[in-house]
Amino acid sequence: MPPLGQVDDAPVAFRRAIASLRALPVRPEVVVEDMPAPQRLAPHSAALSGAVLRDGDEIALGRLIVLYDPEGTRDWPGPFRVVAYMSAELEPEIAADPLIGQVAWSWLVEALASRGADYTAPSGTVTRAITEGFGEKSGQPTSTELELRASWSPADEDLSGHTAAWCDLMCTAAGLPPLDVAPLQPRRPS
């Protein structure tokens, strides 16, 4: 995402939206970085990449792209469109659940609601992929992956809740408990 100094010629609403992307702190397991934004989808765009780490390993990753068309020439219900992508490995038993697509979509919707992100026109897909090795790769274990691609139109230029919801989605897919949930501790005899 370009620093504000590089988008001085962009409309004020877009500059405020970019600034709001970093308004909320993220969990220590989440790393968010600027990345190049697609240039052909809208007159103005910015993008973030994210990863959820456990013991130094990526257990979920994603991208969040903000598109802005102040002239309204796109087929969106407002000048902004947020595009989110998330990918995480799943346990094979969970990936086999026929409702996992609906469950993953509910993770996104619930994260947006819990973060107070107001939006319209949600759209997206959830994909399960099973990877099996053959030939020289036959010894590799089978893996299952979940991908969610979504877009929606935020109600205003404050995108902090949308960014936080995207981070929450990655954490949920990675199997991290919510921050307000403590792990169970064995009861010690008194």
C-alpha atoms as a PDB file:
ATOM      1  CA  MET A   1       0.000   0.000   0.000  1.00  0.00           C
ATOM      2  CA  PRO A   2       1.475   3.350  -0.895  1.00  0.00           C
ATOM      3  CA  PRO A   3       2.355   5.674   1.977  1.00  0.00           C
ATOM      4  CA  LEU A   4       0.130   8.720   2.166  1.00  0.00           C
ATOM      5  CA  GLY A   5       2.882  10.883   0.717  1.00  0.00           C
ATOM      6  CA  GLN A   6       2.686   8.907  -2.547  1.00  0.00           C
ATOM      7  CA  VAL A   7      -1.066   9.378  -2.957  1.00  0.00           C
ATOM      8  CA  ASP A   8      -1.245  13.130  -2.412  1.00  0.00           C
ATOM      9  CA  ASP A   9      -3.006  13.508  -5.748  1.00  0.00           C
ATOM     10  CA  ALA A  10      -5.668  10.946  -4.740  1.00  0.00           C
ATOM     11  CA  PRO A  11      -9.039  12.148  -3.460  1.00  0.00           C
ATOM     12  CA  VAL A  12      -9.255  12.931   0.251  1.00  0.00           C
ATOM     13  CA  ALA A  13     -11.783  10.129   0.858  1.00  0.00           C
ATOM     14  CA  PHE A  14      -9.342   7.562  -0.531  1.00  0.00           C
ATOM     15  CA  ARG A  15      -6.456   8.940   1.528  1.00  0.00           C
ATOM     16  CA  ARG A  16      -8.590   8.714   4.692  1.00  0.00           C
ATOM     17  CA  ALA A  17      -9.586   5.152   3.790  1.00  0.00           C
ATOM     18  CA  ILE A  18      -5.923   4.174   3.390  1.00  0.00           C
ATOM     19  CA  ALA A  19      -5.082   5.717   6.758  1.00  0.00           C
ATOM     20  CA  SER A  20      -7.930   3.790   8.425  1.00  0.00           C
ATOM     21  CA  LEU A  21      -6.557   0.436   7.226  1.00  0.00           C
ATOM     22  CA  ARG A  22      -4.020   0.581  10.049  1.00  0.00           C
ATOM     23  CA  ALA A  23      -6.261   2.095  12.706  1.00  0.00           C
ATOM     24  CA  LEU A  24      -6.634  -1.056  14.805  1.00  0.00           C
ATOM     25  CA  PRO A  25      -3.851  -3.131  16.344  1.00  0.00           C
ATOM     26  CA  VAL A  26      -3.614  -6.741  15.223  1.00  0.00           C
ATOM     27  CA  ARG A  27      -2.937  -9.881  17.222  1.00  0.00           C
ATOM     28  CA  PRO A  28       0.710 -10.796  17.790  1.00  0.00           C
ATOM     29  CA  GLU A  29       0.282 -13.896  15.577  1.00  0.00           C
ATOM     30  CA  VAL A  30      -0.749 -11.749  12.602  1.00  0.00           C
ATOM     31  CA  VAL A  31       1.708 -10.000  10.304  1.00  0.00           C
ATOM     32  CA  VAL A  32       0.279  -7.386   7.916  1.00  0.00           C
ATOM     33  CA  GLU A  33       2.346  -5.702   5.224  1.00  0.00           C
ATOM     34  CA  ASP A  34       1.803  -3.364   2.306  1.00  0.00           C
ATOM     35  CA  MET A  35       1.780  -4.975  -1.115  1.00  0.00           C
ATOM     36  CA  PRO A  36       1.384  -3.696  -4.661  1.00  0.00           C
ATOM     37  CA  ALA A  37      -2.251  -3.081  -5.521  1.00  0.00           C
ATOM     38  CA  PRO A  38      -3.870  -4.013  -8.818  1.00  0.00           C
ATOM     39  CA  GLN A  39      -3.941  -0.956 -11.075  1.00  0.00           C
ATOM     40  CA  ARG A  40      -6.646  -1.837 -13.610  1.00  0.00           C
ATOM     41  CA  LEU A  41      -9.596  -2.562 -11.345  1.00  0.00           C
ATOM     42  CA  ALA A  42     -10.279   1.010 -10.227  1.00  0.00           C
ATOM     43  CA  PRO A  43      -8.802   4.497 -10.576  1.00  0.00           C
ATOM     44  CA  HIS A  44      -7.368   4.208  -7.031  1.00  0.00           C
ATOM     45  CA  SER A  45      -6.377   1.075  -5.112  1.00  0.00           C
ATOM     46  CA  ALA A  46      -4.357  -0.086  -2.128  1.00  0.00           C
ATOM     47  CA  ALA A  47      -3.544  -3.570  -0.849  1.00  0.00           C
ATOM     48  CA  LEU A  48      -2.332  -5.433   2.211  1.00  0.00           C
ATOM     49  CA  SER A  49      -1.005  -8.941   2.576  1.00  0.00           C
ATOM     50  CA  GLY A  50      -1.429 -10.823   5.817  1.00  0.00           C
ATOM     51  CA  ALA A  51      -0.286 -14.025   7.438  1.00  0.00           C
ATOM     52  CA  VAL A  52      -1.084 -15.830  10.660  1.00  0.00           C
ATOM     53  CA  LEU A  53       2.044 -17.379  12.154  1.00  0.00           C
ATOM     54  CA  ARG A  54       2.445 -20.204  14.644  1.00  0.00           C
ATOM     55  CA  ASP A  55       5.983 -21.088  15.706  1.00  0.00           C
ATOM     56  CA  GLY A  56       7.286 -19.191  12.662  1.00  0.00           C
ATOM     57  CA  ASP A  57       5.141 -21.135  10.183  1.00  0.00           C
ATOM     58  CA  GLU A  58       2.385 -19.559   8.082  1.00  0.00           C
ATOM     59  CA  ILE A  59      -0.870 -21.266   8.982  1.00  0.00           C
ATOM     60  CA  ALA A  60      -3.148 -18.855   7.099  1.00  0.00           C
ATOM     61  CA  LEU A  61      -2.561 -16.088   4.620  1.00  0.00           C
ATOM     62  CA  GLY A  62      -4.568 -13.462   2.856  1.00  0.00           C
ATOM     63  CA  ARG A  63      -4.845 -10.258   0.887  1.00  0.00           C
ATOM     64  CA  LEU A  64      -7.089  -7.251   1.365  1.00  0.00           C
ATOM     65  CA  ILE A  65      -7.557  -4.852  -1.537  1.00  0.00           C
ATOM     66  CA  VAL A  66      -9.354  -1.521  -1.411  1.00  0.00           C
ATOM     67  CA  LEU A  67     -10.703  -0.182  -4.682  1.00  0.00           C
ATOM     68  CA  TYR A  68     -11.968   3.377  -5.076  1.00  0.00           C
ATOM     69  CA  ASP A  69     -13.880   4.832  -8.014  1.00  0.00           C
ATOM     70  CA  PRO A  70     -15.052   8.348  -7.133  1.00  0.00           C
ATOM     71  CA  GLU A  71     -16.873   8.686 -10.469  1.00  0.00           C
ATOM     72  CA  GLY A  72     -19.027   5.610  -9.854  1.00  0.00           C
ATOM     73  CA  THR A  73     -18.235   4.004 -13.212  1.00  0.00           C
ATOM     74  CA  ARG A  74     -17.973   0.513 -11.675  1.00  0.00           C
ATOM     75  CA  ASP A  75     -20.948  -1.677 -10.920  1.00  0.00           C
ATOM     76  CA  TRP A  76     -20.707  -1.165  -7.157  1.00  0.00           C
ATOM     77  CA  PRO A  77     -23.323   0.391  -4.870  1.00  0.00           C
ATOM     78  CA  GLY A  78     -20.784   3.000  -3.696  1.00  0.00           C
ATOM     79  CA  PRO A  79     -17.367   4.432  -4.524  1.00  0.00           C
ATOM     80  CA  PHE A  80     -15.442   1.814  -2.484  1.00  0.00           C
ATOM     81  CA  ARG A  81     -15.139  -1.936  -2.899  1.00  0.00           C
ATOM     82  CA  VAL A  82     -13.169  -4.190  -0.559  1.00  0.00           C
ATOM     83  CA  VAL A  83     -11.821  -7.450  -1.954  1.00  0.00           C
ATOM     84  CA  ALA A  84     -10.616 -10.070   0.522  1.00  0.00           C
ATOM     85  CA  TYR A  85      -8.810 -13.358   0.065  1.00  0.00           C
ATOM     86  CA  MET A  86      -7.946 -15.917   2.737  1.00  0.00           C
ATOM     87  CA  SER A  87      -6.329 -19.345   2.548  1.00  0.00           C
ATOM     88  CA  ALA A  88      -5.662 -21.837   5.341  1.00  0.00           C
ATOM     89  CA  GLU A  89      -4.946 -25.537   5.690  1.00  0.00           C
ATOM     90  CA  LEU A  90      -7.725 -27.581   7.249  1.00  0.00           C
ATOM     91  CA  GLU A  91      -7.836 -30.923   8.943  1.00  0.00           C
ATOM     92  CA  PRO A  92      -9.171 -33.475   6.412  1.00  0.00           C
ATOM     93  CA  GLU A  93     -12.188 -34.263   8.623  1.00  0.00           C
ATOM     94  CA  ILE A  94     -13.192 -30.590   8.712  1.00  0.00           C
ATOM     95  CA  ALA A  95     -12.620 -30.136   4.977  1.00  0.00           C
ATOM     96  CA  ALA A  96     -14.869 -33.141   4.300  1.00  0.00           C
ATOM     97  CA  ASP A  97     -17.812 -31.505   6.089  1.00  0.00           C
ATOM     98  CA  PRO A  98     -20.362 -30.576   3.398  1.00  0.00           C
ATOM     99  CA  LEU A  99     -21.228 -27.399   5.332  1.00  0.00           C
ATOM    100  CA  ILE A 100     -17.667 -26.034   5.554  1.00  0.00           C
ATOM    101  CA  GLY A 101     -18.338 -23.513   2.775  1.00  0.00           C
ATOM    102  CA  GLN A 102     -21.314 -22.068   4.643  1.00  0.00           C
ATOM    103  CA  VAL A 103     -19.360 -22.121   7.886  1.00  0.00           C
ATOM    104  CA  ALA A 104     -16.393 -20.280   6.346  1.00  0.00           C
ATOM    105  CA  TRP A 105     -18.709 -17.644   4.848  1.00  0.00           C
ATOM    106  CA  SER A 106     -20.324 -17.195   8.283  1.00  0.00           C
ATOM    107  CA  TRP A 107     -16.851 -16.566   9.753  1.00  0.00           C
ATOM    108  CA  LEU A 108     -16.516 -13.569   7.440  1.00  0.00           C
ATOM    109  CA  VAL A 109     -20.028 -12.217   8.035  1.00  0.00           C
ATOM    110  CA  GLU A 110     -19.730 -12.635  11.809  1.00  0.00           C
ATOM    111  CA  ALA A 111     -16.288 -10.999  11.853  1.00  0.00           C
ATOM    112  CA  LEU A 112     -17.608  -7.986   9.921  1.00  0.00           C
ATOM    113  CA  ALA A 113     -20.583  -7.703  12.307  1.00  0.00           C
ATOM    114  CA  SER A 114     -18.473  -8.044  15.452  1.00  0.00           C
ATOM    115  CA  ARG A 115     -16.119  -5.315  14.218  1.00  0.00           C
ATOM    116  CA  GLY A 116     -19.003  -2.960  13.365  1.00  0.00           C
ATOM    117  CA  ALA A 117     -18.099  -2.903   9.671  1.00  0.00           C
ATOM    118  CA  ASP A 118     -21.130  -1.598   7.786  1.00  0.00           C
ATOM    119  CA  TYR A 119     -21.359  -2.812   4.192  1.00  0.00           C
ATOM    120  CA  THR A 120     -23.631  -3.785   1.307  1.00  0.00           C
ATOM    121  CA  ALA A 121     -23.566  -6.137  -1.686  1.00  0.00           C
ATOM    122  CA  PRO A 122     -21.433  -8.983  -0.310  1.00  0.00           C
ATOM    123  CA  SER A 123     -20.310 -11.530  -2.866  1.00  0.00           C
ATOM    124  CA  GLY A 124     -17.887 -14.404  -2.750  1.00  0.00           C
ATOM    125  CA  THR A 125     -16.855 -18.018  -3.038  1.00  0.00           C
ATOM    126  CA  VAL A 126     -15.422 -20.666  -0.740  1.00  0.00           C
ATOM    127  CA  THR A 127     -13.240 -23.398  -2.227  1.00  0.00           C
ATOM    128  CA  ARG A 128     -11.909 -26.592  -0.713  1.00  0.00           C
ATOM    129  CA  ALA A 129      -8.848 -28.107  -2.328  1.00  0.00           C
ATOM    130  CA  ILE A 130      -7.330 -31.509  -1.689  1.00  0.00           C
ATOM    131  CA  THR A 131      -3.714 -31.920  -2.764  1.00  0.00           C
ATOM    132  CA  GLU A 132      -2.341 -35.426  -3.306  1.00  0.00           C
ATOM    133  CA  GLY A 133       1.185 -36.308  -4.370  1.00  0.00           C
ATOM    134  CA  PHE A 134       1.997 -38.749  -7.173  1.00  0.00           C
ATOM    135  CA  GLY A 135       5.179 -40.053  -8.760  1.00  0.00           C
ATOM    136  CA  GLU A 136       8.178 -38.391  -7.128  1.00  0.00           C
ATOM    137  CA  LYS A 137       5.805 -36.617  -4.749  1.00  0.00           C
ATOM    138  CA  SER A 138       3.858 -39.709  -3.705  1.00  0.00           C
ATOM    139  CA  GLY A 139       5.492 -39.655  -0.271  1.00  0.00           C
ATOM    140  CA  GLN A 140       4.101 -36.232   0.556  1.00  0.00           C
ATOM    141  CA  PRO A 141       1.087 -36.219   2.853  1.00  0.00           C
ATOM    142  CA  THR A 142      -2.295 -35.266   1.457  1.00  0.00           C
ATOM    143  CA  SER A 143      -3.267 -31.733   2.406  1.00  0.00           C
ATOM    144  CA  THR A 144      -6.567 -29.905   2.430  1.00  0.00           C
ATOM    145  CA  GLU A 145      -6.934 -26.184   2.022  1.00  0.00           C
ATOM    146  CA  LEU A 146      -9.768 -23.721   2.343  1.00  0.00           C
ATOM    147  CA  GLU A 147      -9.890 -20.542   0.268  1.00  0.00           C
ATOM    148  CA  LEU A 148     -12.369 -17.727   0.656  1.00  0.00           C
ATOM    149  CA  ARG A 149     -12.668 -14.922  -1.881  1.00  0.00           C
ATOM    150  CA  ALA A 150     -15.106 -12.144  -1.117  1.00  0.00           C
ATOM    151  CA  SER A 151     -15.940  -8.568  -1.922  1.00  0.00           C
ATOM    152  CA  TRP A 152     -18.328  -6.011  -0.485  1.00  0.00           C
ATOM    153  CA  SER A 153     -18.979  -2.282  -0.563  1.00  0.00           C
ATOM    154  CA  PRO A 154     -18.216  -0.489   2.703  1.00  0.00           C
ATOM    155  CA  ALA A 155     -20.756   2.116   3.799  1.00  0.00           C
ATOM    156  CA  ASP A 156     -18.094   4.770   4.393  1.00  0.00           C
ATOM    157  CA  GLU A 157     -14.375   5.431   4.179  1.00  0.00           C
ATOM    158  CA  ASP A 158     -13.518   4.143   7.678  1.00  0.00           C
ATOM    159  CA  LEU A 159     -12.132   0.722   6.829  1.00  0.00           C
ATOM    160  CA  SER A 160     -10.627  -0.115  10.216  1.00  0.00           C
ATOM    161  CA  GLY A 161     -13.410  -2.568  11.090  1.00  0.00           C
ATOM    162  CA  HIS A 162     -13.142  -4.214   7.670  1.00  0.00           C
ATOM    163  CA  THR A 163      -9.398  -4.724   8.119  1.00  0.00           C
ATOM    164  CA  ALA A 164      -9.896  -6.110  11.626  1.00  0.00           C
ATOM    165  CA  ALA A 165     -12.607  -8.486  10.347  1.00  0.00           C
ATOM    166  CA  TRP A 166     -10.254  -9.769   7.624  1.00  0.00           C
ATOM    167  CA  CYS A 167      -7.590 -10.439  10.282  1.00  0.00           C
ATOM    168  CA  ASP A 168     -10.195 -12.165  12.470  1.00  0.00           C
ATOM    169  CA  LEU A 169     -11.239 -14.324   9.497  1.00  0.00           C
ATOM    170  CA  MET A 170      -7.659 -15.480   8.932  1.00  0.00           C
ATOM    171  CA  CYS A 171      -7.253 -16.267  12.654  1.00  0.00           C
ATOM    172  CA  THR A 172     -10.507 -18.229  12.788  1.00  0.00           C
ATOM    173  CA  ALA A 173      -9.586 -20.254   9.705  1.00  0.00           C
ATOM    174  CA  ALA A 174      -6.164 -20.918  11.235  1.00  0.00           C
ATOM    175  CA  GLY A 175      -7.855 -22.344  14.333  1.00  0.00           C
ATOM    176  CA  LEU A 176      -6.803 -19.640  16.780  1.00  0.00           C
ATOM    177  CA  PRO A 177      -9.197 -19.043  19.667  1.00  0.00           C
ATOM    178  CA  PRO A 178     -10.741 -15.583  20.048  1.00  0.00           C
ATOM    179  CA  LEU A 179      -8.588 -13.253  22.140  1.00  0.00           C
ATOM    180  CA  ASP A 180     -11.136 -13.152  24.945  1.00  0.00           C
ATOM    181  CA  VAL A 181     -11.045 -16.949  25.405  1.00  0.00           C
ATOM    182  CA  ALA A 182      -8.481 -18.410  27.803  1.00  0.00           C
ATOM    183  CA  PRO A 183      -7.152 -21.942  27.304  1.00  0.00           C
ATOM    184  CA  LEU A 184      -8.432 -24.549  29.746  1.00  0.00           C
ATOM    185  CA  GLN A 185      -6.103 -25.184  32.641  1.00  0.00           C
ATOM    186  CA  PRO A 186      -6.158 -28.469  34.536  1.00  0.00           C
ATOM    187  CA  ARG A 187      -7.632 -28.160  38.001  1.00  0.00           C
ATOM    188  CA  ARG A 188      -5.035 -28.620  40.687  1.00  0.00           C
ATOM    189  CA  PRO A 189      -5.993 -30.384  43.865  1.00  0.00           C
ATOM    190  CA  SER A 190      -6.056 -28.120  46.895  1.00  0.00           C
END
